[in-house]
Protein backbone atom coordinates (compact mmCIF):
# COMPACT_ATOMS: atom_id res chain seq x y z
CA MET A 1 -7.92 -38.89 -39.91
CA LYS A 2 -5.88 -37.53 -36.60
CA LEU A 3 -6.89 -34.48 -33.52
CA LEU A 4 -4.79 -32.10 -32.72
CA MET A 5 -6.83 -31.15 -29.42
CA ILE A 6 -5.69 -27.71 -27.63
CA SER A 7 -7.26 -28.35 -23.58
CA GLY A 8 -7.20 -26.75 -20.91
CA ASP A 9 -8.05 -30.08 -18.61
CA ARG A 10 -5.32 -31.91 -17.32
CA SER A 11 -7.21 -33.43 -14.33
CA ILE A 12 -5.74 -37.20 -16.26
CA LEU A 13 -2.23 -36.48 -16.46
CA ARG A 14 -3.15 -35.55 -12.49
CA GLY A 15 -4.38 -39.63 -11.98
CA LYS A 16 -7.95 -38.34 -11.79
CA ARG A 17 -11.11 -40.35 -13.75
CA SER A 18 -12.45 -36.80 -14.97
CA ALA A 19 -15.23 -36.57 -16.83
CA PHE A 20 -12.90 -35.72 -19.91
CA TRP A 21 -11.53 -39.51 -19.29
CA TYR A 22 -14.72 -40.96 -20.29
CA THR A 23 -15.22 -39.05 -23.22
CA LEU A 24 -11.74 -40.03 -24.32
CA GLN A 25 -12.75 -43.97 -23.95
CA GLU A 26 -15.28 -43.12 -26.66
CA LEU A 27 -13.94 -40.19 -28.61
CA ARG A 28 -10.48 -41.90 -29.51
CA LYS A 29 -12.56 -44.86 -31.65
CA HIS A 30 -13.71 -41.91 -33.96
CA TRP A 31 -9.86 -41.22 -34.60
CA ASP A 32 -6.44 -42.79 -36.04
CA ARG A 33 -4.74 -40.64 -33.09
CA ILE A 34 -5.53 -38.00 -30.93
CA ASP A 35 -2.87 -35.76 -29.34
CA ILE A 36 -3.82 -33.26 -26.88
CA ILE A 37 -1.14 -30.01 -25.69
CA CYS A 38 -2.34 -28.67 -21.98
CA PRO A 39 -1.13 -26.89 -19.31
CA TYR A 40 1.26 -27.67 -17.12
CA ALA A 41 0.87 -30.49 -15.32
CA ARG A 42 2.81 -32.77 -12.89
CA CYS A 43 3.98 -36.49 -15.07
CA ASP A 44 6.32 -38.83 -14.24
CA ALA A 45 6.49 -39.89 -17.67
CA PRO A 46 10.03 -38.95 -20.24
CA ASN A 47 9.25 -35.74 -21.48
CA LYS A 48 6.73 -34.44 -19.33
CA GLU A 49 4.55 -36.75 -22.21
CA CYS A 50 1.62 -38.82 -21.33
CA HIS A 51 -0.99 -41.57 -22.78
CA SER A 52 -4.19 -42.59 -21.88
CA SER A 53 -4.92 -45.64 -20.80
CA VAL A 54 -7.20 -47.84 -22.62
CA PRO A 55 -8.22 -51.05 -23.13
CA GLU A 56 -6.96 -52.12 -26.49
CA ARG A 57 -10.10 -54.35 -26.96
CA ASP A 58 -11.84 -50.84 -27.03
CA GLY A 59 -10.59 -49.57 -30.59
CA GLY A 60 -9.31 -46.38 -31.84
CA GLY A 61 -6.01 -44.08 -32.20
CA GLU A 62 -3.79 -43.34 -29.41
CA VAL A 63 -4.23 -40.50 -27.48
CA HIS A 64 -0.80 -38.70 -26.74
CA PHE A 65 -0.93 -35.47 -24.04
CA HIS A 66 2.05 -33.10 -24.32
CA PRO A 67 1.84 -30.47 -21.02
CA SER A 68 3.75 -27.38 -21.16
CA PRO A 69 6.88 -27.62 -19.01
CA HIS A 70 6.22 -23.90 -17.82
CA TRP A 71 3.08 -21.73 -15.95
CA LEU A 72 0.15 -20.47 -17.59
CA TRP A 73 1.99 -17.35 -19.30
CA TYR A 74 4.00 -19.05 -21.29
CA GLN A 75 1.06 -21.66 -23.07
CA PRO A 76 -0.05 -19.61 -26.11
CA PHE A 77 4.53 -20.18 -27.24
CA TRP A 78 3.99 -23.28 -26.04
CA ILE A 79 0.69 -24.45 -28.13
CA SER A 80 2.45 -22.49 -31.43
CA LYS A 81 5.67 -24.06 -31.10
CA ARG A 82 4.39 -27.38 -29.87
CA GLY A 83 1.70 -27.53 -32.20
CA LYS A 84 4.45 -27.21 -35.48
CA ALA A 85 6.32 -29.80 -34.32
CA LEU A 86 3.60 -32.32 -33.83
CA VAL A 87 1.96 -31.23 -37.83
CA ALA A 88 4.61 -31.56 -38.98
CA GLU A 89 5.15 -35.33 -37.80
CA HIS A 90 1.62 -36.44 -37.62
CA HIS A 91 0.33 -34.09 -40.38
CA HIS A 92 -3.32 -33.43 -38.52
CA ASP A 93 -6.41 -32.95 -40.32
CA VAL A 94 -8.28 -30.55 -38.04
CA MET A 95 -7.81 -28.70 -34.67
CA THR A 96 -10.81 -28.18 -31.79
CA VAL A 97 -9.59 -25.13 -29.32
CA HIS A 98 -11.69 -24.96 -26.08
CA ASP A 99 -11.58 -21.30 -25.52
CA TYR A 100 -12.46 -19.60 -22.34
CA PRO A 101 -10.48 -16.50 -20.06
CA PRO A 102 -7.83 -15.85 -20.02
CA PHE A 103 -7.78 -17.22 -23.64
CA TYR A 104 -4.40 -17.85 -23.90
CA ASN A 105 -5.72 -20.96 -25.79
CA GLY A 106 -7.67 -19.08 -28.64
CA LEU A 107 -4.04 -16.71 -29.38
CA GLY A 108 -1.64 -19.99 -29.03
CA ALA A 109 -4.10 -21.62 -31.97
CA ARG A 110 -4.88 -18.88 -33.92
CA TRP A 111 -0.78 -18.60 -33.80
CA LEU A 112 -0.63 -21.96 -34.76
CA ALA A 113 -3.66 -22.24 -37.44
CA LYS A 114 -2.18 -19.48 -39.54
CA ALA A 115 1.20 -20.89 -39.51
CA THR A 116 0.11 -24.40 -40.31
CA LYS A 117 -2.60 -23.40 -42.43
CA LEU A 118 -4.84 -26.37 -40.53
CA PRO A 119 -8.70 -25.66 -40.00
CA PHE A 120 -10.03 -25.28 -36.04
CA ALA A 121 -13.04 -24.91 -34.15
CA ILE A 122 -13.04 -22.92 -31.09
CA GLU A 123 -15.55 -24.70 -28.67
CA VAL A 124 -17.20 -22.24 -26.11
CA HIS A 125 -18.90 -24.64 -23.72
CA HIS A 126 -19.73 -21.70 -21.18
CA ILE A 127 -19.76 -18.30 -20.59
CA VAL A 128 -18.04 -17.16 -17.44
CA GLY A 129 -20.40 -14.94 -15.38
CA TYR A 130 -23.39 -15.97 -18.14
CA PRO A 131 -26.36 -15.23 -16.80
CA HIS A 132 -25.28 -13.74 -13.64
CA ALA A 133 -21.59 -13.31 -12.16
CA ALA A 134 -20.60 -14.96 -8.91
CA SER A 135 -17.44 -12.74 -8.25
CA PHE A 136 -15.60 -9.48 -9.39
CA ILE A 137 -13.12 -11.79 -11.24
CA GLU A 138 -15.60 -13.21 -13.23
CA TRP A 139 -17.18 -10.46 -13.92
CA ILE A 140 -13.98 -9.77 -16.06
CA GLY A 141 -14.30 -13.16 -17.53
CA LYS A 142 -17.64 -12.04 -19.25
CA LEU A 143 -16.40 -8.27 -20.11
CA LEU A 144 -13.43 -10.68 -21.45
CA SER A 145 -15.55 -13.25 -23.24
CA ARG A 146 -17.34 -10.15 -24.84
CA LEU A 147 -14.37 -8.92 -26.22
CA VAL A 148 -12.65 -11.90 -27.63
CA LEU A 149 -14.89 -14.36 -28.74
CA PRO A 150 -16.01 -12.43 -31.46
CA ARG A 151 -12.70 -11.84 -32.40
CA HIS A 152 -11.72 -15.33 -32.30
CA ALA A 153 -14.90 -16.50 -33.75
CA LYS A 154 -13.62 -14.97 -36.18
CA ARG A 155 -10.34 -16.45 -37.31
CA ALA A 156 -11.64 -20.10 -36.91
CA SER A 157 -13.47 -22.11 -39.29
CA ALA A 158 -16.77 -22.85 -37.08
CA VAL A 159 -17.13 -22.60 -33.60
CA ARG A 160 -19.60 -25.23 -31.51
CA VAL A 161 -21.49 -24.51 -28.38
CA VAL A 162 -23.77 -26.90 -26.27
CA ASN A 163 -26.79 -24.98 -25.44
CA GLU A 164 -28.91 -22.47 -27.33
CA ALA A 165 -27.91 -20.10 -24.67
CA THR A 166 -24.14 -19.68 -25.38
CA LYS A 167 -25.48 -19.67 -29.17
CA ALA A 168 -27.90 -17.11 -28.98
CA SER A 169 -25.04 -14.42 -26.69
CA LEU A 170 -22.49 -15.36 -29.36
CA VAL A 171 -25.08 -13.86 -32.07
CA ALA A 172 -25.62 -11.37 -30.14
CA TRP A 173 -22.05 -10.12 -29.55
CA GLY A 174 -21.48 -10.70 -33.54
CA VAL A 175 -20.17 -13.93 -34.55
CA GLN A 176 -21.89 -15.04 -37.65
CA PRO A 177 -25.15 -17.46 -36.80
CA GLU A 178 -24.07 -19.81 -39.64
CA LYS A 179 -20.70 -20.35 -38.01
CA ILE A 180 -21.92 -21.69 -34.96
CA SER A 181 -22.84 -25.43 -34.19
CA THR A 182 -24.66 -26.79 -31.26
CA VAL A 183 -23.64 -29.59 -30.35
CA ALA A 184 -24.20 -30.71 -27.08
CA SER A 185 -21.42 -32.26 -24.49
CA PHE A 186 -23.26 -33.99 -21.79
CA TYR A 187 -22.53 -37.71 -22.32
CA LEU A 188 -24.34 -40.15 -20.10
CA ASP A 189 -23.52 -43.64 -19.63
CA ARG A 190 -26.82 -45.32 -19.33
CA GLU A 191 -25.64 -48.39 -18.75
CA LEU A 192 -23.80 -47.25 -15.79
CA LEU A 193 -26.43 -44.62 -14.50
CA THR A 194 -29.90 -47.44 -14.90
CA LYS A 195 -28.17 -50.08 -12.41
CA ASP A 196 -30.38 -51.94 -10.95
CA VAL A 197 -28.91 -51.83 -7.61
CA ARG A 198 -29.95 -49.20 -5.46
CA PRO A 199 -28.43 -47.94 -2.36
CA LEU A 200 -30.67 -47.21 0.69
CA ALA A 201 -31.54 -43.60 1.43
CA SER A 202 -28.90 -42.39 3.87
CA TYR A 203 -29.16 -38.46 3.35
CA ASP A 204 -32.32 -36.11 2.04
CA VAL A 205 -30.51 -33.85 -0.45
CA SER A 206 -27.12 -34.41 -3.09
CA PHE A 207 -25.05 -32.13 -4.26
CA CYS A 208 -21.96 -33.06 -6.79
CA GLY A 209 -19.69 -30.45 -8.38
CA ARG A 210 -16.75 -28.23 -7.54
CA LEU A 211 -16.89 -26.12 -4.81
CA VAL A 212 -16.66 -22.77 -6.93
CA PRO A 213 -18.36 -19.59 -6.06
CA ASN A 214 -21.30 -20.22 -9.02
CA LYS A 215 -21.76 -23.60 -7.72
CA GLN A 216 -23.73 -21.58 -4.64
CA LEU A 217 -23.43 -23.73 -2.24
CA TYR A 218 -23.41 -21.62 0.59
CA GLU A 219 -27.32 -21.08 -0.12
CA LEU A 220 -28.34 -24.79 -0.65
CA ILE A 221 -26.23 -25.34 2.97
CA ALA A 222 -28.52 -22.65 4.62
CA ALA A 223 -31.38 -24.03 3.37
CA VAL A 224 -31.36 -27.20 4.50
CA ALA A 225 -29.58 -26.41 8.08
CA ASP A 226 -33.54 -24.72 8.13
CA ILE A 227 -34.90 -27.67 7.61
CA PRO A 228 -34.65 -29.99 10.88
CA GLU A 229 -33.58 -33.82 10.69
CA VAL A 230 -32.47 -33.20 6.86
CA ARG A 231 -29.03 -34.47 5.83
CA LEU A 232 -27.05 -33.06 3.27
CA LEU A 233 -24.36 -34.70 1.25
CA ILE A 234 -21.54 -33.18 -1.05
CA ILE A 235 -18.99 -34.70 -3.43
CA GLY A 236 -16.90 -32.76 -4.87
CA ASP A 237 -13.88 -30.13 -4.00
CA GLY A 238 -12.38 -27.40 -5.12
CA PRO A 239 -11.55 -23.53 -3.33
CA GLU A 240 -14.65 -22.77 -1.71
CA ARG A 241 -14.57 -25.91 0.59
CA LYS A 242 -13.11 -24.13 3.48
CA ARG A 243 -15.81 -21.87 3.64
CA CYS A 244 -18.29 -23.90 3.00
CA GLU A 245 -17.22 -26.29 5.78
CA ALA A 246 -17.44 -23.37 8.35
CA LEU A 247 -20.74 -22.43 7.10
CA VAL A 248 -21.90 -25.64 8.47
CA LYS A 249 -20.28 -25.38 12.05
CA LYS A 250 -21.35 -22.32 11.75
CA CYS A 251 -25.48 -23.24 11.31
CA GLY A 252 -24.90 -26.15 13.87
CA MET A 253 -25.70 -28.47 11.48
CA GLY A 254 -23.00 -31.28 12.53
CA GLU A 255 -23.64 -35.14 11.62
CA ARG A 256 -26.26 -33.39 8.75
CA ALA A 257 -23.85 -32.27 6.09
CA LYS A 258 -21.20 -34.08 5.17
CA PHE A 259 -18.39 -33.36 2.69
CA LEU A 260 -17.21 -36.72 0.39
CA GLY A 261 -14.65 -34.55 -1.20
CA TRP A 262 -13.50 -35.96 -4.93
CA LEU A 263 -14.39 -39.48 -5.76
CA PRO A 264 -11.52 -41.84 -8.22
CA THR A 265 -14.51 -43.07 -10.51
CA MET A 266 -17.64 -42.29 -11.99
CA GLU A 267 -19.11 -45.62 -10.30
CA ASP A 268 -18.54 -43.95 -7.11
CA VAL A 269 -19.81 -40.74 -7.78
CA VAL A 270 -23.39 -42.40 -9.05
CA GLY A 271 -23.32 -44.80 -6.12
CA ALA A 272 -22.87 -41.12 -3.41
CA VAL A 273 -25.25 -39.80 -5.55
CA LEU A 274 -27.59 -42.58 -5.12
CA THR A 275 -27.80 -42.31 -1.41
CA ALA A 276 -30.08 -39.34 -1.22
CA ARG A 277 -33.23 -38.79 -2.31
CA ILE A 278 -33.54 -35.39 -4.22
CA PHE A 279 -30.71 -33.83 -6.33
CA VAL A 280 -29.75 -30.05 -6.09
CA MET A 281 -27.23 -27.78 -8.00
CA ASN A 282 -28.57 -24.06 -8.08
CA SER A 283 -25.49 -22.49 -10.15
CA LEU A 284 -25.29 -19.02 -10.63
CA SER A 285 -24.34 -19.77 -14.12
CA GLU A 286 -23.48 -23.04 -15.78
CA GLY A 287 -22.89 -25.14 -20.12
CA GLY A 288 -24.88 -27.85 -18.19
CA PRO A 289 -24.77 -28.56 -15.65
CA ARG A 290 -23.58 -32.01 -16.33
CA SER A 291 -24.11 -32.98 -12.99
CA ALA A 292 -27.59 -32.86 -12.92
CA LEU A 293 -28.03 -34.43 -16.08
CA GLU A 294 -26.47 -37.63 -14.87
CA ALA A 295 -29.05 -37.08 -11.94
CA MET A 296 -31.94 -37.14 -13.97
CA GLY A 297 -30.34 -39.94 -15.68
CA MET A 298 -30.01 -41.98 -12.61
CA GLY A 299 -34.13 -41.09 -11.64
CA MET A 300 -33.64 -38.62 -9.22
CA PRO A 301 -35.78 -36.04 -8.69
CA VAL A 302 -33.63 -32.96 -9.47
CA ILE A 303 -33.73 -28.85 -8.48
CA VAL A 304 -31.92 -26.82 -10.75
CA THR A 305 -31.59 -22.96 -11.19
CA PRO A 306 -32.50 -22.14 -15.17
CA VAL A 307 -28.61 -21.77 -16.33
CA GLY A 308 -27.13 -24.13 -18.53
CA ILE A 309 -28.48 -26.26 -20.37
CA MET A 310 -31.77 -26.71 -18.23
CA PRO A 311 -34.36 -24.27 -19.59
CA GLU A 312 -33.95 -26.49 -22.97
CA VAL A 313 -34.54 -30.45 -20.90
CA ILE A 314 -36.26 -29.02 -17.83
CA GLU A 315 -40.33 -29.02 -17.69
CA ASP A 316 -41.20 -27.53 -14.03
CA GLY A 317 -43.00 -29.93 -11.82
CA VAL A 318 -42.64 -32.10 -15.07
CA ASN A 319 -39.41 -34.00 -15.05
CA GLY A 320 -37.31 -31.36 -12.37
CA ILE A 321 -38.34 -28.47 -10.23
CA LEU A 322 -36.45 -25.38 -10.93
CA THR A 323 -35.77 -22.95 -8.46
CA ASP A 324 -34.65 -19.05 -8.23
CA GLY A 325 -31.28 -20.55 -6.37
CA THR A 326 -32.08 -18.42 -2.98
CA ARG A 327 -31.84 -19.47 0.44
CA GLY A 328 -35.85 -19.32 1.12
CA ASP A 329 -36.92 -20.14 -2.14
CA LEU A 330 -34.56 -23.98 -1.96
CA ARG A 331 -36.20 -24.21 1.26
CA ARG A 332 -39.46 -24.35 0.16
CA LYS A 333 -39.24 -26.88 -2.82
CA ILE A 334 -36.90 -28.86 -0.57
CA MET A 335 -39.49 -28.94 1.72
CA ARG A 336 -42.07 -29.94 -0.33
CA LEU A 337 -40.23 -32.70 -2.11
CA ILE A 338 -39.47 -34.59 1.02
CA GLU A 339 -43.11 -34.82 1.98
CA ASP A 340 -44.15 -35.69 -1.23
CA ASP A 341 -43.15 -39.43 -2.24
CA ALA A 342 -45.48 -39.82 -5.26
CA GLN A 343 -43.77 -36.42 -7.20
CA ARG A 344 -40.32 -37.20 -5.89
CA GLU A 345 -41.09 -41.03 -7.80
CA ARG A 346 -43.07 -38.99 -10.53
CA LEU A 347 -40.25 -36.80 -11.14
CA GLY A 348 -37.04 -39.02 -11.35
CA LYS A 349 -39.62 -41.27 -13.81
CA LYS A 350 -40.18 -38.26 -16.24
CA ALA A 351 -36.24 -37.14 -15.80
CA ARG A 352 -34.79 -40.31 -17.13
CA GLU A 353 -36.62 -40.00 -20.11
CA ILE A 354 -32.95 -37.32 -20.74
CA LEU A 355 -30.96 -40.74 -21.48
CA ASP A 356 -32.50 -40.43 -24.78
CA ARG A 357 -31.66 -37.18 -25.89
CA PHE A 358 -27.18 -37.60 -24.24
CA ASP A 359 -26.86 -41.26 -24.85
CA ARG A 360 -23.07 -40.56 -24.92
CA PRO A 361 -22.09 -42.98 -27.87
CA ARG A 362 -23.95 -40.91 -30.09
CA LEU A 363 -23.56 -37.73 -28.96
CA ILE A 364 -19.66 -38.11 -29.22
CA SER A 365 -20.20 -39.26 -32.89
CA ARG A 366 -22.27 -36.35 -33.33
CA TYR A 367 -19.20 -34.24 -32.13
CA ALA A 368 -16.46 -36.55 -33.86
CA ASP A 369 -18.60 -35.81 -37.24
CA PHE A 370 -18.64 -32.23 -36.80
CA LEU A 371 -14.95 -31.66 -36.41
CA LYS A 372 -14.34 -34.27 -39.84
CA SER A 373 -16.29 -31.84 -41.38
CA ILE A 374 -14.62 -28.71 -40.62
CA ALA A 375 -11.26 -31.03 -42.10
CA SER A 376 -13.25 -31.64 -45.11
CA SER A 377 -14.45 -27.97 -45.71
CA GLN A 378 -10.70 -27.45 -46.23
CA THR A 379 -10.42 -29.72 -48.79
């Protein structure tokens, strides 16, 4: 069977081994061919078409990327135009669409589905600004989601969400419950996350994620700054980096905070996260967060806000610690864990059980089955 994906992720074309890269390594084993239509990206391949690089021994079909030749304003038209040509040539069985503000993916997919009669699913991994908007832009995104997602869901054959909170929101907005399937996307690599070699702890707290407003990294920096001698490791990059670096300087943290930036492989990320004793993610809104689940899989004690899938997986004080994400609450809970070696060990041991729930091969197989069921229901 052949899959057509409409995605906003072009990290692979930019040479990054992102979460999407690792997902495709497993997903391709379930399809004869995967075509991915995405926005403009710099690419050295002829005609701006690229292939993911996967060893042949892994099996599975080829993965082809089709980035737009123009900027985002053209994306719905590119999805429709390029999609029609691909479907005519390769006769795809099903299409899946990652839909989010400003909804150019969903709009283009609707045009394409109408023209080709191709069954499709929309995927809602995260409602921007839910439950709390970090900026005016996120507030607008949340409003647009309320207006647009029910309309796109009505035209789709099925809707995929990755946590129950998102499903509840969509149902409240009028999407038919029977049309929604909760299919988790937090694919954890057991072999990678459970390696026996563990580096010596050089930091007390680690953070890993995009440096964007909804992550509230500034609250974490301020909390750590309040605790003498505690060191913070920040893994990731993004538009908030300069602001956060300025805050570190303003707080006089000096060498107590280090920014590593983007790391090239998941192996590098795991090695860095494990150099700390505690992992903290205090987001205002999330689908996961994936990095917190990965830290749990490594056996790290985690402090997280109750957003995304966290309320479904964290039992406060048993396999993790919940926080309201404010400076004072973070400070208290970080100090408590740093001072209690036994609790850190107990939390980390229990947290590792998350690997049984989010095993990568099993979850991606379920995802592929979900998409294939859409194709089968239309025949």
